[in-house]
Amino acid sequence: MFNTGFVLKLGNGSCWSFIATPDTRSWVEKFATVIGLTVDDQNMNHNSNRMFFLQRHSEKDRCDELNPLIFSKIKTNLPTNGWNGVDFGALKLWTHKGIPDIVCEIEHTRSHELDIIKMWTALYGIYLKSFDSGGLILHGAIVEINERGVLLAGPGGAGKSTLSNRLPFNWRVLSDDQSLVVLDNQNSYLAHPVPTWSNHLWHGSKQSWNIKCHVPLTAIFFIEQSSSDKIVPMGQGQAAVYINNSSTEVINPIWWNMDMGKKNAVKKKIFDNACDMARAVPAYILRNSLNGRFWNEMEKVL
């Protein structure tokens, strides 16, 4: 029997109900704490997408089709055939073309590191679903000023966290590594913070990230270290390439677990969505110095 209660509602109105079996409940509660979810049974509804979490007990449970016994455990109206799985070892994601729901089979472990990796991996299911409605997961920090969200984008080690920490008090930092951007029915992009998983994995961070929080995305700044602070506007073509690369950097770990057909389909969605985003959201190169007031240059174009 499944227990319910954790709900993730995104800025575009899409809603995810996290549903656990008794043997995955404690792990789901830990997951919910990290991403800032609280028990919210009142918002559970039949229109929400569902993410089911159940424990995979042994190597015998590893197979290319969803085990029929799962449906007897779930006791719900999921189709019994047509599921596609992506196996990450500690967690296997099952998706279906006909419905938005996701089934996650998770290995039973007593390792903090593997628990974090499973949480990190579980969100890939939501990222992939968000691609269908124009969204993207991006390698960028979300910062906000006067209710305007800005993305500081760059690969690992580019200085996203450093720049975020240097911002003055009138700026608010929502995330310092990755961001989920969704597209609403008004064709506006909304940015959600995503945990800095590396801090949880290697530094034992206890920080909670409110993934439900979102701000309008008004600009993207691709950061470059420089001897002086300067903003360089980007054309739509260049911006599309940079946005595509930023999203691909985040999704890259799952390529190895996909067959060529699935991989190419996801790559096409990312590229198409990147082109659309580049047309709608201004993008710039942010050349920043070690001690300069780079935020003044950003504010000039916002």
Protein backbone atom coordinates (compact mmCIF):
# COMPACT_ATOMS: atom_id res chain seq x y z
CA MET A 1 0.00 0.00 0.00
CA PHE A 2 1.32 3.44 -0.93
CA ASN A 3 1.43 6.47 1.37
CA THR A 4 0.99 9.97 -0.02
CA GLY A 5 1.50 13.51 1.11
CA PHE A 6 4.49 15.22 -0.55
CA VAL A 7 3.56 17.52 -3.41
CA LEU A 8 5.83 19.47 -5.77
CA LYS A 9 3.95 22.20 -7.64
CA LEU A 10 5.91 24.01 -10.34
CA GLY A 11 5.41 27.54 -11.57
CA ASN A 12 3.72 26.43 -14.79
CA GLY A 13 0.95 24.70 -12.81
CA SER A 14 2.24 21.16 -13.25
CA CYS A 15 2.09 19.17 -10.04
CA TRP A 16 3.96 16.09 -8.87
CA SER A 17 2.77 13.86 -6.02
CA PHE A 18 5.55 11.84 -4.39
CA ILE A 19 4.08 8.48 -3.40
CA ALA A 20 5.98 5.96 -1.29
CA THR A 21 5.59 2.38 -0.09
CA PRO A 22 6.23 1.74 3.62
CA ASP A 23 9.76 0.51 2.87
CA THR A 24 10.68 3.66 0.92
CA ARG A 25 8.83 6.15 3.13
CA SER A 26 11.85 7.18 5.23
CA TRP A 27 13.98 7.74 2.12
CA VAL A 28 11.23 9.79 0.44
CA GLU A 29 10.89 11.88 3.61
CA LYS A 30 14.63 12.58 3.51
CA PHE A 31 14.37 13.44 -0.20
CA ALA A 32 11.45 15.77 0.47
CA THR A 33 13.41 17.55 3.20
CA VAL A 34 16.36 18.22 0.89
CA ILE A 35 14.18 19.78 -1.82
CA GLY A 36 11.99 21.69 0.61
CA LEU A 37 8.74 19.75 0.40
CA THR A 38 6.36 19.36 3.34
CA VAL A 39 3.41 17.01 3.85
CA ASP A 40 0.53 18.52 1.90
CA ASP A 41 -2.29 16.00 1.62
CA GLN A 42 -4.83 18.75 0.94
CA ASN A 43 -3.23 19.55 -2.40
CA MET A 44 -3.26 15.93 -3.55
CA ASN A 45 -5.57 15.66 -6.53
CA HIS A 46 -6.36 13.34 -9.38
CA ASN A 47 -4.90 15.78 -11.93
CA SER A 48 -1.36 15.70 -10.51
CA ASN A 49 1.41 13.65 -12.04
CA ARG A 50 2.52 10.86 -9.78
CA MET A 51 6.02 9.66 -8.96
CA PHE A 52 5.89 6.24 -7.30
CA PHE A 53 8.84 5.06 -5.20
CA LEU A 54 9.24 1.38 -4.39
CA GLN A 55 12.12 -0.73 -3.23
CA ARG A 56 13.98 -3.11 -5.48
CA HIS A 57 15.09 -5.90 -3.17
CA SER A 58 17.56 -7.92 -5.19
CA GLU A 59 19.40 -8.42 -8.45
CA LYS A 60 16.56 -10.70 -9.52
CA ASP A 61 14.32 -7.62 -9.65
CA ARG A 62 16.48 -6.11 -12.40
CA CYS A 63 14.73 -6.66 -15.73
CA ASP A 64 13.81 -4.94 -18.99
CA GLU A 65 10.09 -4.86 -18.18
CA LEU A 66 8.28 -3.49 -15.17
CA ASN A 67 7.59 -6.36 -12.78
CA PRO A 68 3.83 -7.21 -12.77
CA LEU A 69 4.02 -7.59 -8.99
CA ILE A 70 4.56 -3.83 -8.82
CA PHE A 71 1.01 -3.19 -9.97
CA SER A 72 -0.39 -5.31 -7.20
CA LYS A 73 1.62 -3.21 -4.75
CA ILE A 74 0.55 0.08 -6.27
CA LYS A 75 -3.12 -0.87 -6.57
CA THR A 76 -3.87 1.93 -9.00
CA ASN A 77 -4.92 2.44 -12.60
CA LEU A 78 -1.48 2.39 -14.23
CA PRO A 79 -1.17 0.56 -17.56
CA THR A 80 0.60 -2.77 -17.19
CA ASN A 81 2.47 -2.62 -20.52
CA GLY A 82 4.41 -0.06 -22.56
CA TRP A 83 6.90 1.09 -19.89
CA ASN A 84 10.43 2.19 -20.81
CA GLY A 85 13.16 1.93 -18.18
CA VAL A 86 16.47 3.73 -17.71
CA ASP A 87 18.67 1.93 -15.18
CA PHE A 88 21.11 3.99 -13.11
CA GLY A 89 22.06 1.12 -10.82
CA ALA A 90 20.88 2.52 -7.50
CA LEU A 91 17.65 3.73 -9.11
CA LYS A 92 15.67 2.79 -12.22
CA LEU A 93 13.27 5.26 -13.81
CA TRP A 94 10.22 3.89 -15.64
CA THR A 95 8.24 6.20 -17.94
CA HIS A 96 5.29 5.63 -20.27
CA LYS A 97 4.36 7.49 -23.47
CA GLY A 98 0.67 7.40 -22.65
CA ILE A 99 0.76 8.89 -19.16
CA PRO A 100 2.93 11.41 -17.26
CA ASP A 101 3.43 9.21 -14.19
CA ILE A 102 6.87 7.86 -13.26
CA VAL A 103 7.79 4.73 -11.33
CA CYS A 104 11.13 4.72 -9.48
CA GLU A 105 12.61 1.43 -8.33
CA ILE A 106 15.29 2.17 -5.73
CA GLU A 107 17.95 -0.11 -4.29
CA HIS A 108 17.87 -0.73 -0.56
CA THR A 109 21.03 0.86 0.85
CA ARG A 110 22.29 2.22 4.15
CA SER A 111 24.72 4.62 2.53
CA HIS A 112 24.26 8.39 2.76
CA GLU A 113 26.16 8.84 -0.50
CA LEU A 114 23.94 6.39 -2.40
CA ASP A 115 20.82 7.99 -0.88
CA ILE A 116 21.92 11.37 -2.29
CA ILE A 117 22.72 9.85 -5.69
CA LYS A 118 19.22 8.32 -5.81
CA MET A 119 17.64 11.71 -5.04
CA TRP A 120 19.85 13.38 -7.64
CA THR A 121 18.81 10.76 -10.18
CA ALA A 122 15.08 10.78 -9.35
CA LEU A 123 14.78 14.43 -10.40
CA TYR A 124 15.97 13.49 -13.90
CA GLY A 125 12.51 11.98 -14.40
CA ILE A 126 10.91 15.38 -13.79
CA TYR A 127 13.50 17.11 -15.98
CA LEU A 128 12.75 14.77 -18.89
CA LYS A 129 9.01 15.35 -18.51
CA SER A 130 9.54 19.13 -18.39
CA PHE A 131 11.25 18.99 -21.79
CA ASP A 132 7.90 17.94 -23.28
CA SER A 133 6.39 21.31 -22.32
CA GLY A 134 9.29 23.57 -23.33
CA GLY A 135 11.31 23.46 -20.12
CA LEU A 136 15.01 22.89 -19.54
CA ILE A 137 17.36 22.03 -16.69
CA LEU A 138 20.33 24.42 -16.87
CA HIS A 139 23.78 24.58 -15.32
CA GLY A 140 23.27 27.96 -13.73
CA ALA A 141 22.64 29.76 -10.46
CA ILE A 142 19.39 31.70 -9.94
CA VAL A 143 19.75 35.17 -8.47
CA GLU A 144 16.97 37.73 -8.16
CA ILE A 145 16.58 41.46 -7.84
CA ASN A 146 13.28 43.34 -7.70
CA GLU A 147 11.36 40.13 -8.51
CA ARG A 148 13.37 39.62 -11.70
CA GLY A 149 15.16 36.30 -11.96
CA VAL A 150 18.58 36.08 -13.56
CA LEU A 151 20.61 33.01 -14.44
CA LEU A 152 24.39 33.01 -13.92
CA ALA A 153 25.31 30.14 -16.22
CA GLY A 154 28.55 28.26 -16.63
CA PRO A 155 30.12 24.80 -16.28
CA GLY A 156 31.44 23.42 -13.01
CA GLY A 157 34.28 25.56 -11.69
CA ALA A 158 33.30 28.62 -13.73
CA GLY A 159 32.55 30.65 -10.60
CA LYS A 160 28.76 30.53 -10.23
CA SER A 161 28.88 30.08 -6.46
CA THR A 162 31.63 32.67 -6.05
CA LEU A 163 29.71 35.32 -8.00
CA SER A 164 26.50 34.50 -6.15
CA ASN A 165 28.26 34.99 -2.81
CA ARG A 166 29.69 38.34 -3.93
CA LEU A 167 26.32 39.90 -4.71
CA PRO A 168 25.20 42.76 -2.39
CA PHE A 169 22.25 42.56 0.01
CA ASN A 170 19.65 43.81 -2.50
CA TRP A 171 20.17 40.63 -4.53
CA ARG A 172 18.71 37.29 -3.44
CA VAL A 173 20.38 33.94 -4.23
CA LEU A 174 17.99 31.03 -4.83
CA SER A 175 20.48 28.45 -6.11
CA ASP A 176 24.18 28.37 -6.91
CA ASP A 177 24.60 25.48 -9.35
CA GLN A 178 21.55 24.22 -11.28
CA SER A 179 18.09 25.53 -12.13
CA LEU A 180 14.94 24.02 -13.59
CA VAL A 181 13.27 26.43 -16.02
CA VAL A 182 9.66 25.76 -17.01
CA LEU A 183 7.40 27.42 -19.57
CA ASP A 184 3.92 28.47 -18.46
CA ASN A 185 0.75 28.90 -20.53
CA GLN A 186 1.55 32.60 -21.01
CA ASN A 187 4.83 31.64 -22.73
CA SER A 188 6.80 33.01 -19.80
CA TYR A 189 9.83 31.22 -18.39
CA LEU A 190 9.99 30.57 -14.65
CA ALA A 191 13.17 29.43 -12.88
CA HIS A 192 13.21 27.01 -9.95
CA PRO A 193 16.24 26.28 -7.71
CA VAL A 194 17.72 22.79 -7.69
CA PRO A 195 19.95 21.48 -4.88
CA THR A 196 23.70 21.64 -5.18
CA TRP A 197 23.98 17.87 -4.98
CA SER A 198 27.77 17.85 -4.83
CA ASN A 199 27.64 19.69 -1.50
CA HIS A 200 25.31 17.04 -0.07
CA LEU A 201 27.34 14.21 -1.57
CA TRP A 202 30.90 15.23 -0.72
CA HIS A 203 30.55 17.84 2.01
CA GLY A 204 27.66 16.41 4.05
CA SER A 205 25.53 19.53 3.62
CA LYS A 206 22.23 19.60 5.51
CA GLN A 207 20.87 22.52 3.49
CA SER A 208 17.28 22.42 2.26
CA TRP A 209 16.41 23.94 -1.11
CA ASN A 210 12.90 25.19 -1.78
CA ILE A 211 12.43 23.78 -5.26
CA LYS A 212 8.82 25.04 -5.32
CA CYS A 213 10.06 28.65 -5.20
CA HIS A 214 10.25 30.30 -8.62
CA VAL A 215 10.98 33.67 -10.23
CA PRO A 216 10.40 35.00 -13.76
CA LEU A 217 13.50 34.44 -15.88
CA THR A 218 14.37 37.83 -17.37
CA ALA A 219 17.98 37.29 -18.51
CA ILE A 220 20.76 34.72 -18.79
CA PHE A 221 24.39 35.69 -18.21
CA PHE A 222 27.09 33.25 -19.32
CA ILE A 223 30.04 34.01 -17.09
CA GLU A 224 33.66 34.45 -18.16
CA GLN A 225 36.57 35.50 -15.97
CA SER A 226 38.23 38.69 -17.11
CA SER A 227 40.44 41.57 -15.98
CA SER A 228 37.45 43.95 -16.07
CA ASP A 229 33.65 43.82 -15.81
CA LYS A 230 31.73 44.02 -19.06
CA ILE A 231 28.43 42.86 -20.56
CA VAL A 232 28.45 41.58 -24.15
CA PRO A 233 25.02 40.99 -25.77
CA MET A 234 24.58 37.64 -27.52
CA GLY A 235 22.73 36.98 -30.75
CA GLN A 236 19.94 34.42 -30.72
CA GLY A 237 21.99 31.81 -32.57
CA GLN A 238 24.91 32.05 -30.19
CA ALA A 239 22.57 32.09 -27.19
CA ALA A 240 20.77 28.96 -28.43
CA VAL A 241 24.09 27.09 -28.67
CA TYR A 242 25.14 28.18 -25.17
CA ILE A 243 21.74 27.29 -23.65
CA ASN A 244 21.78 23.91 -25.40
CA ASN A 245 25.27 23.20 -24.07
CA SER A 246 24.30 24.30 -20.54
CA SER A 247 21.37 21.88 -20.44
CA THR A 248 23.34 19.06 -22.05
CA GLU A 249 26.01 19.39 -19.34
CA VAL A 250 23.39 18.57 -16.70
CA ILE A 251 21.73 15.76 -18.65
CA ASN A 252 25.02 14.24 -19.80
CA PRO A 253 25.22 11.63 -17.00
CA ILE A 254 22.09 9.86 -18.24
CA TRP A 255 23.26 9.50 -21.88
CA TRP A 256 25.21 6.39 -20.93
CA ASN A 257 22.03 4.74 -19.66
CA MET A 258 19.91 5.41 -22.77
CA ASP A 259 19.74 3.66 -26.10
CA MET A 260 20.58 5.71 -29.19
CA GLY A 261 16.94 6.34 -30.13
CA LYS A 262 16.00 7.76 -26.72
CA LYS A 263 19.22 9.77 -26.55
CA ASN A 264 18.63 11.43 -29.92
CA ALA A 265 15.01 12.23 -29.06
CA VAL A 266 16.06 13.96 -25.82
CA LYS A 267 18.86 15.85 -27.57
CA LYS A 268 16.39 17.17 -30.16
CA LYS A 269 13.99 18.36 -27.44
CA ILE A 270 16.80 20.15 -25.62
CA PHE A 271 17.97 21.86 -28.81
CA ASP A 272 14.45 22.91 -29.87
CA ASN A 273 13.69 24.25 -26.40
CA ALA A 274 17.03 26.08 -26.30
CA CYS A 275 16.20 27.82 -29.58
CA ASP A 276 12.80 28.89 -28.25
CA MET A 277 14.33 30.16 -25.01
CA ALA A 278 17.00 32.12 -26.90
CA ARG A 279 14.27 33.92 -28.84
CA ALA A 280 12.35 34.86 -25.67
CA VAL A 281 15.01 35.55 -23.01
CA PRO A 282 17.87 38.06 -23.50
CA ALA A 283 21.29 36.45 -23.13
CA TYR A 284 24.69 38.01 -22.48
CA ILE A 285 28.32 37.19 -21.85
CA LEU A 286 29.22 38.47 -18.38
CA ARG A 287 32.94 39.18 -18.19
CA ASN A 288 33.77 39.53 -14.53
CA SER A 289 36.89 40.48 -12.62
CA LEU A 290 38.02 39.16 -9.25
CA ASN A 291 37.15 42.29 -7.27
CA GLY A 292 34.89 44.38 -9.53
CA ARG A 293 31.24 45.28 -9.02
CA PHE A 294 29.99 43.10 -11.87
CA TRP A 295 26.38 43.36 -10.67
CA ASN A 296 26.33 47.05 -11.67
CA GLU A 297 26.88 45.98 -15.27
CA MET A 298 24.08 43.43 -14.99
CA GLU A 299 21.66 45.98 -13.56
CA LYS A 300 22.27 48.29 -16.53
CA VAL A 301 20.70 45.78 -18.94
CA LEU A 302 17.90 44.48 -16.72
